[in-house]
Amino acid sequence: MRFADTECSVQTPEGIVHAKPGDAILAGPKGERWRVSRAHFAAKYEPLFPTQAGDPGCYRALPYRVMALCMRERFEVILSDGVSRLRGHSGDWLVDYGDGSLGIVAPMSFADTYEILG
């Protein structure tokens, strides 16, 4: 994980996401990348030793409740920055993080990352 020094674009499996300076750019175990705004990062991730909070390094996701809907057809969402556009496929999950941010998660990643609560 690193923090963006300048405005940049992050290629995700679902589309290009625009990052502002200070936004976190994360990478998953399969090489997938995504952005988390600096404003929401500390509430969602904690550093793993020896990384210090706010420094680039290794972080893990904190338990976090989200709303998610498994989509049955192709779909598209525009993120809160008004510029970034993600495209999902049938079977992908549309995730609302409850803080104004949305995401699209492929079925295998969703199963590995989230626990469905009744």
Protein backbone atom coordinates (compact mmCIF):
# COMPACT_ATOMS: atom_id res chain seq x y z
CA MET A 1 0.00 0.00 0.00
CA ARG A 2 1.15 3.49 -0.79
CA PHE A 3 -0.31 6.96 -0.63
CA ALA A 4 -0.58 8.92 -3.89
CA ASP A 5 1.87 11.82 -4.10
CA THR A 6 0.04 13.47 -6.99
CA GLU A 7 -3.23 13.05 -8.84
CA CYS A 8 -3.14 9.75 -10.69
CA SER A 9 -5.29 7.06 -12.24
CA VAL A 10 -5.59 3.54 -10.86
CA GLN A 11 -6.52 0.74 -13.23
CA THR A 12 -8.89 -1.62 -11.44
CA PRO A 13 -10.54 -4.71 -12.95
CA GLU A 14 -13.78 -2.67 -13.10
CA GLY A 15 -12.40 0.53 -14.61
CA ILE A 16 -10.11 3.49 -14.08
CA VAL A 17 -10.41 5.26 -10.72
CA HIS A 18 -8.95 8.72 -10.16
CA ALA A 19 -6.90 9.28 -7.00
CA LYS A 20 -6.03 12.55 -5.32
CA PRO A 21 -2.83 13.26 -3.38
CA GLY A 22 -3.01 11.38 -0.07
CA ASP A 23 -5.44 8.70 -1.26
CA ALA A 24 -4.37 5.14 -0.51
CA ILE A 25 -3.54 2.85 -3.44
CA LEU A 26 -3.87 -0.75 -2.30
CA ALA A 27 -2.94 -4.02 -3.97
CA GLY A 28 -4.55 -7.40 -3.34
CA PRO A 29 -2.97 -10.86 -3.37
CA LYS A 30 -3.89 -11.40 -7.03
CA GLY A 31 -2.41 -8.08 -8.18
CA GLU A 32 -5.72 -6.24 -8.21
CA ARG A 33 -5.52 -2.57 -7.22
CA TRP A 34 -8.01 -0.11 -5.78
CA ARG A 35 -8.18 3.35 -4.23
CA VAL A 36 -9.44 4.37 -0.80
CA SER A 37 -9.79 8.07 -0.08
CA ARG A 38 -7.52 9.42 2.64
CA ALA A 39 -10.62 10.62 4.53
CA HIS A 40 -11.94 7.04 4.86
CA PHE A 41 -8.70 5.04 5.03
CA ALA A 42 -8.05 5.15 8.82
CA ALA A 43 -11.58 3.95 9.59
CA LYS A 44 -11.18 0.93 7.28
CA TYR A 45 -7.56 -0.25 7.67
CA GLU A 46 -4.96 -0.70 10.40
CA PRO A 47 -1.18 -0.95 9.95
CA LEU A 48 0.67 -4.23 10.44
CA PHE A 49 3.95 -4.07 12.35
CA PRO A 50 6.39 -2.51 11.57
CA THR A 51 4.29 -0.10 9.46
CA GLN A 52 3.26 3.04 11.33
CA ALA A 53 -0.23 4.50 10.79
CA GLY A 54 -0.17 6.93 7.90
CA ASP A 55 3.01 5.49 6.36
CA PRO A 56 3.15 3.31 3.25
CA GLY A 57 3.43 -0.39 4.01
CA CYS A 58 1.27 -3.33 5.01
CA TYR A 59 -2.26 -2.82 6.32
CA ARG A 60 -5.21 -5.08 7.01
CA ALA A 61 -8.88 -4.33 6.65
CA LEU A 62 -10.86 -3.72 9.81
CA PRO A 63 -14.26 -5.39 10.26
CA TYR A 64 -16.72 -3.09 8.56
CA ARG A 65 -20.44 -3.45 7.79
CA VAL A 66 -21.47 -2.78 4.22
CA MET A 67 -24.59 -3.14 2.13
CA ALA A 68 -24.11 -5.39 -0.88
CA LEU A 69 -26.29 -6.53 -3.74
CA CYS A 70 -25.44 -9.33 -6.16
CA MET A 71 -26.24 -7.94 -9.59
CA ARG A 72 -27.94 -10.11 -12.21
CA GLU A 73 -26.91 -8.13 -15.31
CA ARG A 74 -24.13 -5.81 -16.46
CA PHE A 75 -24.15 -2.44 -14.70
CA GLU A 76 -22.20 0.77 -14.29
CA VAL A 77 -21.68 3.21 -11.41
CA ILE A 78 -20.12 6.64 -11.22
CA LEU A 79 -18.16 7.15 -8.01
CA SER A 80 -18.57 10.09 -5.66
CA ASP A 81 -15.74 12.01 -7.38
CA GLY A 82 -18.12 12.36 -10.35
CA VAL A 83 -15.40 11.18 -12.76
CA SER A 84 -14.45 7.59 -11.97
CA ARG A 85 -16.71 5.04 -13.65
CA LEU A 86 -16.81 1.34 -12.77
CA ARG A 87 -18.40 -1.42 -14.83
CA GLY A 88 -19.69 -4.66 -13.35
CA HIS A 89 -20.81 -7.94 -14.82
CA SER A 90 -23.65 -10.28 -13.98
CA GLY A 91 -22.76 -11.97 -10.69
CA ASP A 92 -20.59 -9.09 -9.42
CA TRP A 93 -21.48 -7.43 -6.13
CA LEU A 94 -22.34 -3.74 -5.88
CA VAL A 95 -21.05 -2.65 -2.45
CA ASP A 96 -22.16 0.49 -0.59
CA TYR A 97 -19.65 1.24 2.16
CA GLY A 98 -22.04 3.61 3.96
CA ASP A 99 -19.69 6.58 3.77
CA GLY A 100 -20.61 7.79 0.30
CA SER A 101 -18.32 5.35 -1.49
CA LEU A 102 -19.30 2.46 -3.75
CA GLY A 103 -17.37 -0.48 -5.11
CA ILE A 104 -17.79 -3.46 -7.39
CA VAL A 105 -16.46 -6.79 -6.17
CA ALA A 106 -16.11 -9.94 -8.28
CA PRO A 107 -17.80 -13.07 -6.87
CA MET A 108 -14.57 -14.89 -5.87
CA SER A 109 -13.12 -11.82 -4.15
CA PHE A 110 -16.44 -11.17 -2.42
CA ALA A 111 -16.50 -14.73 -1.04
CA ASP A 112 -12.90 -14.38 0.19
CA THR A 113 -13.43 -10.94 1.75
CA TYR A 114 -16.97 -10.60 3.10
CA GLU A 115 -19.21 -12.50 5.48
CA ILE A 116 -22.92 -12.36 4.72
CA LEU A 117 -24.95 -11.58 7.83
CA GLY A 118 -28.63 -12.44 8.06
